[in-house]
């Protein structure tokens, strides 16, 4: 199961040009240190931009580990979506994230070099 998710995540990361489905920031997959060095920031700063496999429809709600149900999302967007008291659907959550980015309130300044 884990291998399948890793394959789908990698495929989606490539299809999305290394950008998070929700925030559009560049993500790292594989070498956190190299990614941080490329942006000129610390590895701690880029930890939230690790690429994850995000289920659009959660497994707990019957979502499958399938190409159609998985996108690549940064760790911060993935975790934040699922920690909310009321979990928004993928599209409303994406709009919320974009609004927060426009207000400069989603990712710290150190990551603005990875911005869309």
PDB file of N, CA and C in Angstrom:
ATOM      1  N   UNK A   1       0.834  -1.191   0.000  1.00  0.00           N
ATOM      2  CA  UNK A   1       0.000   0.000   0.000  1.00  0.00           C
ATOM      3  C   UNK A   1       0.878   1.254   0.000  1.00  0.00           C
ATOM      4  N   UNK A   2       1.887   1.309   0.869  1.00  0.00           N
ATOM      5  CA  UNK A   2       2.770   2.468   0.978  1.00  0.00           C
ATOM      6  C   UNK A   2       3.501   2.725  -0.326  1.00  0.00           C
ATOM      7  N   UNK A   3       3.925   1.650  -0.988  1.00  0.00           N
ATOM      8  CA  UNK A   3       4.648   1.781  -2.250  1.00  0.00           C
ATOM      9  C   UNK A   3       3.749   2.412  -3.314  1.00  0.00           C
ATOM     10  N   UNK A   4       2.490   2.010  -3.344  1.00  0.00           N
ATOM     11  CA  UNK A   4       1.542   2.561  -4.308  1.00  0.00           C
ATOM     12  C   UNK A   4       1.359   4.059  -4.082  1.00  0.00           C
ATOM     13  N   UNK A   5       1.195   4.466  -2.809  1.00  0.00           N
ATOM     14  CA  UNK A   5       1.042   5.882  -2.486  1.00  0.00           C
ATOM     15  C   UNK A   5       2.277   6.679  -2.887  1.00  0.00           C
ATOM     16  N   UNK A   6       3.460   6.122  -2.628  1.00  0.00           N
ATOM     17  CA  UNK A   6       4.707   6.791  -3.000  1.00  0.00           C
ATOM     18  C   UNK A   6       4.794   6.987  -4.509  1.00  0.00           C
ATOM     19  N   UNK A   7       4.383   5.996  -5.256  1.00  0.00           N
ATOM     20  CA  UNK A   7       4.402   6.086  -6.725  1.00  0.00           C
ATOM     21  C   UNK A   7       3.437   7.158  -7.212  1.00  0.00           C
ATOM     22  N   UNK A   8       2.235   7.182  -6.653  1.00  0.00           N
ATOM     23  CA  UNK A   8       1.238   8.176  -7.061  1.00  0.00           C
ATOM     24  C   UNK A   8       1.713   9.575  -6.664  1.00  0.00           C
ATOM     25  N   UNK A   9       2.232   9.716  -5.448  1.00  0.00           N
ATOM     26  CA  UNK A   9       2.731  11.018  -4.981  1.00  0.00           C
ATOM     27  C   UNK A   9       3.819  11.537  -5.917  1.00  0.00           C
ATOM     28  N   UNK A  10       4.757  10.680  -6.266  1.00  0.00           N
ATOM     29  CA  UNK A  10       5.842  11.073  -7.157  1.00  0.00           C
ATOM     30  C   UNK A  10       5.309  11.489  -8.531  1.00  0.00           C
ATOM     31  N   UNK A  11       4.367  10.738  -9.038  1.00  0.00           N
ATOM     32  CA  UNK A  11       3.754  11.040 -10.338  1.00  0.00           C
ATOM     33  C   UNK A  11       3.046  12.394 -10.296  1.00  0.00           C
ATOM     34  N   UNK A  12       2.278  12.619  -9.244  1.00  0.00           N
ATOM     35  CA  UNK A  12       1.540  13.878  -9.118  1.00  0.00           C
ATOM     36  C   UNK A  12       2.497  15.057  -8.923  1.00  0.00           C
ATOM     37  N   UNK A  13       3.568  14.866  -8.158  1.00  0.00           N
ATOM     38  CA  UNK A  13       4.577  15.910  -7.957  1.00  0.00           C
ATOM     39  C   UNK A  13       5.136  16.354  -9.305  1.00  0.00           C
ATOM     40  N   UNK A  14       5.426  15.398 -10.149  1.00  0.00           N
ATOM     41  CA  UNK A  14       5.947  15.716 -11.482  1.00  0.00           C
ATOM     42  C   UNK A  14       4.899  16.401 -12.339  1.00  0.00           C
ATOM     43  N   UNK A  15       3.672  15.884 -12.343  1.00  0.00           N
ATOM     44  CA  UNK A  15       2.593  16.478 -13.138  1.00  0.00           C
ATOM     45  C   UNK A  15       2.273  17.915 -12.709  1.00  0.00           C
ATOM     46  N   UNK A  16       2.455  18.196 -11.427  1.00  0.00           N
ATOM     47  CA  UNK A  16       2.169  19.518 -10.871  1.00  0.00           C
ATOM     48  C   UNK A  16       3.414  20.411 -10.881  1.00  0.00           C
ATOM     49  N   UNK A  17       4.451  19.992 -11.598  1.00  0.00           N
ATOM     50  CA  UNK A  17       5.701  20.755 -11.691  1.00  0.00           C
ATOM     51  C   UNK A  17       6.302  21.059 -10.327  1.00  0.00           C
ATOM     52  N   UNK A  18       6.159  20.109  -9.403  1.00  0.00           N
ATOM     53  CA  UNK A  18       6.747  20.255  -8.073  1.00  0.00           C
ATOM     54  C   UNK A  18       6.034  21.250  -7.184  1.00  0.00           C
ATOM     55  N   UNK A  19       4.822  21.644  -7.566  1.00  0.00           N
ATOM     56  CA  UNK A  19       4.092  22.655  -6.796  1.00  0.00           C
ATOM     57  C   UNK A  19       2.914  22.040  -6.043  1.00  0.00           C
ATOM     58  N   UNK A  20       2.668  22.595  -4.862  1.00  0.00           N
ATOM     59  CA  UNK A  20       1.565  22.131  -4.013  1.00  0.00           C
ATOM     60  C   UNK A  20       0.223  22.411  -4.676  1.00  0.00           C
ATOM     61  N   UNK A  21      -0.663  21.450  -4.600  1.00  0.00           N
ATOM     62  CA  UNK A  21      -2.009  21.569  -5.165  1.00  0.00           C
ATOM     63  C   UNK A  21      -2.777  22.744  -4.550  1.00  0.00           C
ATOM     64  N   UNK A  22      -2.565  23.017  -3.265  1.00  0.00           N
ATOM     65  CA  UNK A  22      -3.327  24.052  -2.577  1.00  0.00           C
ATOM     66  C   UNK A  22      -2.664  25.425  -2.603  1.00  0.00           C
ATOM     67  N   UNK A  23      -1.400  25.508  -2.206  1.00  0.00           N
ATOM     68  CA  UNK A  23      -0.750  26.819  -2.090  1.00  0.00           C
ATOM     69  C   UNK A  23       0.070  27.203  -3.317  1.00  0.00           C
ATOM     70  N   UNK A  24       0.448  26.227  -4.137  1.00  0.00           N
ATOM     71  CA  UNK A  24       1.223  26.521  -5.338  1.00  0.00           C
ATOM     72  C   UNK A  24       2.708  26.721  -5.094  1.00  0.00           C
ATOM     73  N   UNK A  25       3.156  26.602  -3.852  1.00  0.00           N
ATOM     74  CA  UNK A  25       4.580  26.753  -3.553  1.00  0.00           C
ATOM     75  C   UNK A  25       5.334  25.515  -4.032  1.00  0.00           C
ATOM     76  N   UNK A  26       6.608  25.717  -4.375  1.00  0.00           N
ATOM     77  CA  UNK A  26       7.456  24.579  -4.720  1.00  0.00           C
ATOM     78  C   UNK A  26       7.601  23.677  -3.511  1.00  0.00           C
ATOM     79  N   UNK A  27       7.682  22.381  -3.749  1.00  0.00           N
ATOM     80  CA  UNK A  27       7.863  21.402  -2.673  1.00  0.00           C
ATOM     81  C   UNK A  27       9.142  20.623  -2.927  1.00  0.00           C
ATOM     82  N   UNK A  28       9.644  20.018  -1.882  1.00  0.00           N
ATOM     83  CA  UNK A  28      10.796  19.140  -2.048  1.00  0.00           C
ATOM     84  C   UNK A  28      10.364  17.697  -1.875  1.00  0.00           C
ATOM     85  N   UNK A  29      11.013  16.861  -2.631  1.00  0.00           N
ATOM     86  CA  UNK A  29      10.778  15.427  -2.533  1.00  0.00           C
ATOM     87  C   UNK A  29      12.120  14.749  -2.664  1.00  0.00           C
ATOM     88  N   UNK A  30      12.643  14.275  -1.569  1.00  0.00           N
ATOM     89  CA  UNK A  30      13.907  13.551  -1.616  1.00  0.00           C
ATOM     90  C   UNK A  30      15.040  14.217  -0.873  1.00  0.00           C
ATOM     91  N   UNK A  31      15.457  15.425  -1.279  1.00  0.00           N
ATOM     92  CA  UNK A  31      16.636  16.034  -0.681  1.00  0.00           C
ATOM     93  C   UNK A  31      16.296  17.403  -0.094  1.00  0.00           C
ATOM     94  N   UNK A  32      15.941  17.387   1.166  1.00  0.00           N
ATOM     95  CA  UNK A  32      15.557  18.610   1.866  1.00  0.00           C
ATOM     96  C   UNK A  32      16.708  19.610   1.911  1.00  0.00           C
ATOM     97  N   UNK A  33      17.929  19.139   2.152  1.00  0.00           N
ATOM     98  CA  UNK A  33      19.090  20.026   2.255  1.00  0.00           C
ATOM     99  C   UNK A  33      19.369  20.757   0.948  1.00  0.00           C
ATOM    100  N   UNK A  34      19.295  20.039  -0.158  1.00  0.00           N
ATOM    101  CA  UNK A  34      19.529  20.651  -1.462  1.00  0.00           C
ATOM    102  C   UNK A  34      18.445  21.684  -1.774  1.00  0.00           C
ATOM    103  N   UNK A  35      17.202  21.355  -1.464  1.00  0.00           N
ATOM    104  CA  UNK A  35      16.092  22.285  -1.680  1.00  0.00           C
ATOM    105  C   UNK A  35      16.311  23.559  -0.868  1.00  0.00           C
ATOM    106  N   UNK A  36      16.675  23.401   0.403  1.00  0.00           N
ATOM    107  CA  UNK A  36      16.922  24.557   1.273  1.00  0.00           C
ATOM    108  C   UNK A  36      18.079  25.397   0.738  1.00  0.00           C
ATOM    109  N   UNK A  37      19.127  24.728   0.304  1.00  0.00           N
ATOM    110  CA  UNK A  37      20.298  25.434  -0.233  1.00  0.00           C
ATOM    111  C   UNK A  37      19.916  26.222  -1.485  1.00  0.00           C
ATOM    112  N   UNK A  38      19.103  25.630  -2.347  1.00  0.00           N
ATOM    113  CA  UNK A  38      18.647  26.297  -3.572  1.00  0.00           C
ATOM    114  C   UNK A  38      17.877  27.570  -3.246  1.00  0.00           C
ATOM    115  N   UNK A  39      17.053  27.527  -2.198  1.00  0.00           N
ATOM    116  CA  UNK A  39      16.280  28.706  -1.789  1.00  0.00           C
ATOM    117  C   UNK A  39      17.090  29.662  -0.919  1.00  0.00           C
ATOM    118  N   UNK A  40      18.239  29.181  -0.415  1.00  0.00           N
ATOM    119  CA  UNK A  40      19.065  30.009   0.448  1.00  0.00           C
ATOM    120  C   UNK A  40      18.499  30.174   1.845  1.00  0.00           C
ATOM    121  N   UNK A  41      17.853  29.104   2.350  1.00  0.00           N
ATOM    122  CA  UNK A  41      17.250  29.144   3.687  1.00  0.00           C
ATOM    123  C   UNK A  41      17.640  27.882   4.461  1.00  0.00           C
ATOM    124  N   UNK A  42      17.239  27.824   5.707  1.00  0.00           N
ATOM    125  CA  UNK A  42      17.562  26.662   6.539  1.00  0.00           C
ATOM    126  C   UNK A  42      16.686  25.465   6.191  1.00  0.00           C
ATOM    127  N   UNK A  43      17.176  24.281   6.562  1.00  0.00           N
ATOM    128  CA  UNK A  43      16.380  23.072   6.334  1.00  0.00           C
ATOM    129  C   UNK A  43      15.111  23.103   7.197  1.00  0.00           C
ATOM    130  N   UNK A  44      15.191  23.710   8.371  1.00  0.00           N
ATOM    131  CA  UNK A  44      14.011  23.815   9.240  1.00  0.00           C
ATOM    132  C   UNK A  44      12.921  24.638   8.556  1.00  0.00           C
ATOM    133  N   UNK A  45      13.327  25.674   7.841  1.00  0.00           N
ATOM    134  CA  UNK A  45      12.358  26.540   7.169  1.00  0.00           C
ATOM    135  C   UNK A  45      11.591  25.784   6.089  1.00  0.00           C
ATOM    136  N   UNK A  46      12.266  24.898   5.366  1.00  0.00           N
ATOM    137  CA  UNK A  46      11.610  24.201   4.255  1.00  0.00           C
ATOM    138  C   UNK A  46      10.922  22.905   4.670  1.00  0.00           C
ATOM    139  N   UNK A  47      11.009  22.528   5.922  1.00  0.00           N
ATOM    140  CA  UNK A  47      10.421  21.254   6.350  1.00  0.00           C
ATOM    141  C   UNK A  47       8.928  21.186   6.042  1.00  0.00           C
ATOM    142  N   UNK A  48       8.227  22.298   6.138  1.00  0.00           N
ATOM    143  CA  UNK A  48       6.783  22.317   5.882  1.00  0.00           C
ATOM    144  C   UNK A  48       6.443  22.156   4.408  1.00  0.00           C
ATOM    145  N   UNK A  49       7.440  22.262   3.521  1.00  0.00           N
ATOM    146  CA  UNK A  49       7.196  22.116   2.083  1.00  0.00           C
ATOM    147  C   UNK A  49       7.509  20.712   1.558  1.00  0.00           C
ATOM    148  N   UNK A  50       7.626  19.755   2.460  1.00  0.00           N
ATOM    149  CA  UNK A  50       7.832  18.373   2.030  1.00  0.00           C
ATOM    150  C   UNK A  50       6.606  17.907   1.248  1.00  0.00           C
ATOM    151  N   UNK A  51       6.829  17.233   0.137  1.00  0.00           N
ATOM    152  CA  UNK A  51       5.740  16.735  -0.696  1.00  0.00           C
ATOM    153  C   UNK A  51       5.059  15.545  -0.025  1.00  0.00           C
ATOM    154  N   UNK A  52       3.732  15.599   0.039  1.00  0.00           N
ATOM    155  CA  UNK A  52       2.940  14.495   0.591  1.00  0.00           C
ATOM    156  C   UNK A  52       1.866  14.091  -0.411  1.00  0.00           C
ATOM    157  N   UNK A  53       1.332  12.905  -0.219  1.00  0.00           N
ATOM    158  CA  UNK A  53       0.185  12.446  -1.014  1.00  0.00           C
ATOM    159  C   UNK A  53      -1.074  12.864  -0.265  1.00  0.00           C
ATOM    160  N   UNK A  54      -1.851  13.731  -0.870  1.00  0.00           N
ATOM    161  CA  UNK A  54      -3.065  14.260  -0.251  1.00  0.00           C
ATOM    162  C   UNK A  54      -4.295  13.617  -0.881  1.00  0.00           C
ATOM    163  N   UNK A  55      -5.091  12.985  -0.048  1.00  0.00           N
ATOM    164  CA  UNK A  55      -6.350  12.397  -0.517  1.00  0.00           C
ATOM    165  C   UNK A  55      -7.403  13.504  -0.599  1.00  0.00           C
ATOM    166  N   UNK A  56      -7.927  13.756  -1.772  1.00  0.00           N
ATOM    167  CA  UNK A  56      -8.963  14.781  -1.925  1.00  0.00           C
ATOM    168  C   UNK A  56     -10.201  14.383  -1.143  1.00  0.00           C
ATOM    169  N   UNK A  57     -10.576  13.125  -1.247  1.00  0.00           N
ATOM    170  CA  UNK A  57     -11.645  12.546  -0.446  1.00  0.00           C
ATOM    171  C   UNK A  57     -10.950  11.608   0.539  1.00  0.00           C
ATOM    172  N   UNK A  58     -10.982  11.956   1.809  1.00  0.00           N
ATOM    173  CA  UNK A  58     -10.252  11.213   2.838  1.00  0.00           C
ATOM    174  C   UNK A  58     -10.588   9.724   2.843  1.00  0.00           C
ATOM    175  N   UNK A  59      -9.601   8.918   3.200  1.00  0.00           N
ATOM    176  CA  UNK A  59      -9.827   7.471   3.296  1.00  0.00           C
ATOM    177  C   UNK A  59     -10.923   7.162   4.307  1.00  0.00           C
ATOM    178  N   UNK A  60     -10.974   7.946   5.376  1.00  0.00           N
ATOM    179  CA  UNK A  60     -12.006   7.725   6.400  1.00  0.00           C
ATOM    180  C   UNK A  60     -13.418   7.979   5.864  1.00  0.00           C
ATOM    181  N   UNK A  61     -13.494   8.702   4.747  1.00  0.00           N
ATOM    182  CA  UNK A  61     -14.788   8.956   4.096  1.00  0.00           C
ATOM    183  C   UNK A  61     -14.979   8.089   2.857  1.00  0.00           C
ATOM    184  N   UNK A  62     -14.163   7.059   2.728  1.00  0.00           N
ATOM    185  CA  UNK A  62     -14.286   6.152   1.596  1.00  0.00           C
ATOM    186  C   UNK A  62     -13.390   6.468   0.417  1.00  0.00           C
ATOM    187  N   UNK A  63     -12.514   7.480   0.573  1.00  0.00           N
ATOM    188  CA  UNK A  63     -11.595   7.842  -0.508  1.00  0.00           C
ATOM    189  C   UNK A  63     -10.585   6.745  -0.776  1.00  0.00           C
ATOM    190  N   UNK A  64     -10.275   6.559  -2.029  1.00  0.00           N
ATOM    191  CA  UNK A  64      -9.366   5.487  -2.444  1.00  0.00           C
ATOM    192  C   UNK A  64      -7.952   5.994  -2.670  1.00  0.00           C
ATOM    193  N   UNK A  65      -7.003   5.075  -2.628  1.00  0.00           N
ATOM    194  CA  UNK A  65      -5.620   5.362  -2.989  1.00  0.00           C
ATOM    195  C   UNK A  65      -5.515   5.230  -4.504  1.00  0.00           C
ATOM    196  N   UNK A  66      -6.044   6.240  -5.208  1.00  0.00           N
ATOM    197  CA  UNK A  66      -6.082   6.180  -6.664  1.00  0.00           C
ATOM    198  C   UNK A  66      -5.593   7.499  -7.261  1.00  0.00           C
ATOM    199  N   UNK A  67      -5.178   7.432  -8.510  1.00  0.00           N
ATOM    200  CA  UNK A  67      -4.737   8.629  -9.230  1.00  0.00           C
ATOM    201  C   UNK A  67      -5.772   9.741  -9.165  1.00  0.00           C
ATOM    202  N   UNK A  68      -7.019   9.402  -9.325  1.00  0.00           N
ATOM    203  CA  UNK A  68      -8.089  10.401  -9.368  1.00  0.00           C
ATOM    204  C   UNK A  68      -8.331  11.059  -8.008  1.00  0.00           C
ATOM    205  N   UNK A  69      -7.945  10.412  -6.924  1.00  0.00           N
ATOM    206  CA  UNK A  69      -8.236  10.917  -5.586  1.00  0.00           C
ATOM    207  C   UNK A  69      -7.015  11.493  -4.873  1.00  0.00           C
ATOM    208  N   UNK A  70      -5.855  11.450  -5.480  1.00  0.00           N
ATOM    209  CA  UNK A  70      -4.639  11.899  -4.815  1.00  0.00           C
ATOM    210  C   UNK A  70      -3.973  13.005  -5.616  1.00  0.00           C
ATOM    211  N   UNK A  71      -3.527  14.036  -4.882  1.00  0.00           N
ATOM    212  CA  UNK A  71      -2.723  15.111  -5.448  1.00  0.00           C
ATOM    213  C   UNK A  71      -1.474  15.254  -4.582  1.00  0.00           C
ATOM    214  N   UNK A  72      -0.497  15.978  -5.093  1.00  0.00           N
ATOM    215  CA  UNK A  72       0.689  16.287  -4.301  1.00  0.00           C
ATOM    216  C   UNK A  72       0.427  17.593  -3.560  1.00  0.00           C
ATOM    217  N   UNK A  73       0.631  17.577  -2.251  1.00  0.00           N
ATOM    218  CA  UNK A  73       0.435  18.777  -1.435  1.00  0.00           C
ATOM    219  C   UNK A  73       1.567  18.884  -0.427  1.00  0.00           C
ATOM    220  N   UNK A  74       1.917  20.116  -0.092  1.00  0.00           N
ATOM    221  CA  UNK A  74       2.974  20.295   0.915  1.00  0.00           C
ATOM    222  C   UNK A  74       2.458  19.816   2.271  1.00  0.00           C
ATOM    223  N   UNK A  75       3.378  19.444   3.113  1.00  0.00           N
ATOM    224  CA  UNK A  75       3.051  18.920   4.434  1.00  0.00           C
ATOM    225  C   UNK A  75       2.178  19.902   5.215  1.00  0.00           C
ATOM    226  N   UNK A  76       2.488  21.192   5.124  1.00  0.00           N
ATOM    227  CA  UNK A  76       1.718  22.191   5.869  1.00  0.00           C
ATOM    228  C   UNK A  76       0.260  22.243   5.405  1.00  0.00           C
ATOM    229  N   UNK A  77       0.037  22.302   4.100  1.00  0.00           N
ATOM    230  CA  UNK A  77      -1.338  22.349   3.589  1.00  0.00           C
ATOM    231  C   UNK A  77      -2.098  21.075   3.939  1.00  0.00           C
ATOM    232  N   UNK A  78      -1.446  19.935   3.794  1.00  0.00           N
ATOM    233  CA  UNK A  78      -2.076  18.652   4.087  1.00  0.00           C
ATOM    234  C   UNK A  78      -2.491  18.578   5.553  1.00  0.00           C
ATOM    235  N   UNK A  79      -1.560  18.860   6.436  1.00  0.00           N
ATOM    236  CA  UNK A  79      -1.856  18.773   7.876  1.00  0.00           C
ATOM    237  C   UNK A  79      -2.895  19.795   8.310  1.00  0.00           C
ATOM    238  N   UNK A  80      -2.762  21.009   7.802  1.00  0.00           N
ATOM    239  CA  UNK A  80      -3.676  22.078   8.212  1.00  0.00           C
ATOM    240  C   UNK A  80      -5.103  21.772   7.786  1.00  0.00           C
ATOM    241  N   UNK A  81      -5.266  21.229   6.601  1.00  0.00           N
ATOM    242  CA  UNK A  81      -6.619  20.890   6.130  1.00  0.00           C
ATOM    243  C   UNK A  81      -7.278  19.871   7.060  1.00  0.00           C
ATOM    244  N   UNK A  82      -6.520  18.879   7.474  1.00  0.00           N
ATOM    245  CA  UNK A  82      -7.106  17.791   8.252  1.00  0.00           C
ATOM    246  C   UNK A  82      -7.172  18.055   9.754  1.00  0.00           C
ATOM    247  N   UNK A  83      -6.555  19.152  10.215  1.00  0.00           N
ATOM    248  CA  UNK A  83      -6.629  19.502  11.629  1.00  0.00           C
ATOM    249  C   UNK A  83      -7.783  20.459  11.935  1.00  0.00           C
ATOM    250  N   UNK A  84      -8.412  20.979  10.898  1.00  0.00           N
ATOM    251  CA  UNK A  84      -9.485  21.955  11.093  1.00  0.00           C
ATOM    252  C   UNK A  84     -10.687  21.324  11.778  1.00  0.00           C
ATOM    253  N   UNK A  85     -11.399  22.125  12.538  1.00  0.00           N
ATOM    254  CA  UNK A  85     -12.607  21.638  13.214  1.00  0.00           C
ATOM    255  C   UNK A  85     -13.630  21.163  12.185  1.00  0.00           C
ATOM    256  N   UNK A  86     -13.774  21.936  11.120  1.00  0.00           N
ATOM    257  CA  UNK A  86     -14.634  21.559  10.002  1.00  0.00           C
ATOM    258  C   UNK A  86     -13.735  21.408   8.786  1.00  0.00           C
ATOM    259  N   UNK A  87     -13.596  20.195   8.305  1.00  0.00           N
ATOM    260  CA  UNK A  87     -12.712  19.950   7.168  1.00  0.00           C
ATOM    261  C   UNK A  87     -13.405  20.375   5.885  1.00  0.00           C
ATOM    262  N   UNK A  88     -12.766  21.310   5.190  1.00  0.00           N
ATOM    263  CA  UNK A  88     -13.305  21.803   3.926  1.00  0.00           C
ATOM    264  C   UNK A  88     -12.990  20.835   2.796  1.00  0.00           C
ATOM    265  N   UNK A  89     -13.816  20.865   1.776  1.00  0.00           N
ATOM    266  CA  UNK A  89     -13.541  20.106   0.572  1.00  0.00           C
ATOM    267  C   UNK A  89     -12.315  20.685  -0.124  1.00  0.00           C
ATOM    268  N   UNK A  90     -11.768  19.977  -1.087  1.00  0.00           N
ATOM    269  CA  UNK A  90     -10.542  20.424  -1.748  1.00  0.00           C
ATOM    270  C   UNK A  90     -10.641  21.825  -2.375  1.00  0.00           C
ATOM    271  N   UNK A  91     -11.720  22.099  -3.090  1.00  0.00           N
ATOM    272  CA  UNK A  91     -11.831  23.400  -3.755  1.00  0.00           C
ATOM    273  C   UNK A  91     -11.994  24.554  -2.755  1.00  0.00           C
ATOM    274  N   UNK A  92     -12.923  24.476  -1.792  1.00  0.00           N
ATOM    275  CA  UNK A  92     -13.041  25.559  -0.806  1.00  0.00           C
ATOM    276  C   UNK A  92     -11.750  25.752  -0.001  1.00  0.00           C
ATOM    277  N   UNK A  93     -11.060  24.649   0.309  1.00  0.00           N
ATOM    278  CA  UNK A  93      -9.808  24.763   1.060  1.00  0.00           C
ATOM    279  C   UNK A  93      -8.749  25.470   0.220  1.00  0.00           C
ATOM    280  N   UNK A  94      -8.689  25.126  -1.050  1.00  0.00           N
ATOM    281  CA  UNK A  94      -7.718  25.769  -1.951  1.00  0.00           C
ATOM    282  C   UNK A  94      -7.975  27.281  -2.001  1.00  0.00           C
ATOM    283  N   UNK A  95      -9.233  27.678  -2.083  1.00  0.00           N
ATOM    284  CA  UNK A  95      -9.573  29.104  -2.095  1.00  0.00           C
ATOM    285  C   UNK A  95      -9.167  29.782  -0.786  1.00  0.00           C
ATOM    286  N   UNK A  96      -9.402  29.106   0.327  1.00  0.00           N
ATOM    287  CA  UNK A  96      -9.017  29.646   1.637  1.00  0.00           C
ATOM    288  C   UNK A  96      -7.507  29.848   1.698  1.00  0.00           C
ATOM    289  N   UNK A  97      -6.762  28.855   1.245  1.00  0.00           N
ATOM    290  CA  UNK A  97      -5.295  28.942   1.256  1.00  0.00           C
ATOM    291  C   UNK A  97      -4.836  30.106   0.382  1.00  0.00           C
ATOM    292  N   UNK A  98      -5.412  30.239  -0.803  1.00  0.00           N
ATOM    293  CA  UNK A  98      -5.026  31.320  -1.713  1.00  0.00           C
ATOM    294  C   UNK A  98      -5.324  32.692  -1.093  1.00  0.00           C
ATOM    295  N   UNK A  99      -6.442  32.816  -0.388  1.00  0.00           N
ATOM    296  CA  UNK A  99      -6.764  34.068   0.302  1.00  0.00           C
ATOM    297  C   UNK A  99      -5.724  34.382   1.374  1.00  0.00           C
ATOM    298  N   UNK A 100      -5.342  33.356   2.126  1.00  0.00           N
ATOM    299  CA  UNK A 100      -4.335  33.549   3.187  1.00  0.00           C
ATOM    300  C   UNK A 100      -2.981  33.933   2.597  1.00  0.00           C
ATOM    301  N   UNK A 101      -2.631  33.325   1.462  1.00  0.00           N
ATOM    302  CA  UNK A 101      -1.371  33.664   0.800  1.00  0.00           C
ATOM    303  C   UNK A 101      -1.398  35.120   0.343  1.00  0.00           C
ATOM    304  N   UNK A 102      -2.507  35.539  -0.239  1.00  0.00           N
ATOM    305  CA  UNK A 102      -2.651  36.930  -0.688  1.00  0.00           C
ATOM    306  C   UNK A 102      -2.470  37.918   0.457  1.00  0.00           C
ATOM    307  N   UNK A 103      -2.861  37.498   1.664  1.00  0.00           N
ATOM    308  CA  UNK A 103      -2.718  38.345   2.847  1.00  0.00           C
ATOM    309  C   UNK A 103      -1.345  38.172   3.506  1.00  0.00           C
ATOM    310  N   UNK A 104      -0.485  37.324   2.923  1.00  0.00           N
ATOM    311  CA  UNK A 104       0.852  37.093   3.477  1.00  0.00           C
ATOM    312  C   UNK A 104       0.845  36.306   4.769  1.00  0.00           C
ATOM    313  N   UNK A 105      -0.168  35.450   4.951  1.00  0.00           N
ATOM    314  CA  UNK A 105      -0.343  34.766   6.237  1.00  0.00           C
ATOM    315  C   UNK A 105      -0.325  33.244   6.162  1.00  0.00           C
ATOM    316  N   UNK A 106       0.212  32.655   5.123  1.00  0.00           N
ATOM    317  CA  UNK A 106       0.178  31.190   5.050  1.00  0.00           C
ATOM    318  C   UNK A 106       1.533  30.570   5.360  1.00  0.00           C
ATOM    319  N   UNK A 107       2.537  30.951   4.610  1.00  0.00           N
ATOM    320  CA  UNK A 107       3.895  30.459   4.841  1.00  0.00           C
ATOM    321  C   UNK A 107       4.757  31.624   5.319  1.00  0.00           C
ATOM    322  N   UNK A 108       5.797  31.326   6.105  1.00  0.00           N
ATOM    323  CA  UNK A 108       6.677  32.403   6.582  1.00  0.00           C
ATOM    324  C   UNK A 108       7.482  33.023   5.424  1.00  0.00           C
ATOM    325  N   UNK A 109       7.964  34.220   5.651  1.00  0.00           N
ATOM    326  CA  UNK A 109       8.728  34.956   4.635  1.00  0.00           C
ATOM    327  C   UNK A 109       9.909  34.162   4.080  1.00  0.00           C
ATOM    328  N   UNK A 110      10.528  33.347   4.899  1.00  0.00           N
ATOM    329  CA  UNK A 110      11.698  32.594   4.432  1.00  0.00           C
ATOM    330  C   UNK A 110      11.360  31.701   3.248  1.00  0.00           C
ATOM    331  N   UNK A 111      10.081  31.406   3.028  1.00  0.00           N
ATOM    332  CA  UNK A 111       9.671  30.512   1.944  1.00  0.00           C
ATOM    333  C   UNK A 111       9.149  31.241   0.709  1.00  0.00           C
ATOM    334  N   UNK A 112       9.125  32.551   0.733  1.00  0.00           N
ATOM    335  CA  UNK A 112       8.557  33.271  -0.388  1.00  0.00           C
ATOM    336  C   UNK A 112       9.324  33.036  -1.693  1.00  0.00           C
ATOM    337  N   UNK A 113      10.566  32.548  -1.597  1.00  0.00           N
ATOM    338  CA  UNK A 113      11.319  32.208  -2.809  1.00  0.00           C
ATOM    339  C   UNK A 113      10.743  30.986  -3.510  1.00  0.00           C
ATOM    340  N   UNK A 114       9.882  30.235  -2.830  1.00  0.00           N
ATOM    341  CA  UNK A 114       9.244  29.045  -3.412  1.00  0.00           C
ATOM    342  C   UNK A 114       7.816  29.343  -3.856  1.00  0.00           C
ATOM    343  N   UNK A 115       7.418  30.610  -3.729  1.00  0.00           N
ATOM    344  CA  UNK A 115       6.040  31.013  -4.036  1.00  0.00           C
ATOM    345  C   UNK A 115       5.739  30.882  -5.525  1.00  0.00           C
ATOM    346  N   UNK A 116       4.436  30.742  -5.835  1.00  0.00           N
ATOM    347  CA  UNK A 116       4.030  30.640  -7.239  1.00  0.00           C
ATOM    348  C   UNK A 116       4.350  31.900  -8.029  1.00  0.00           C
TER     349      UNK A 116
END
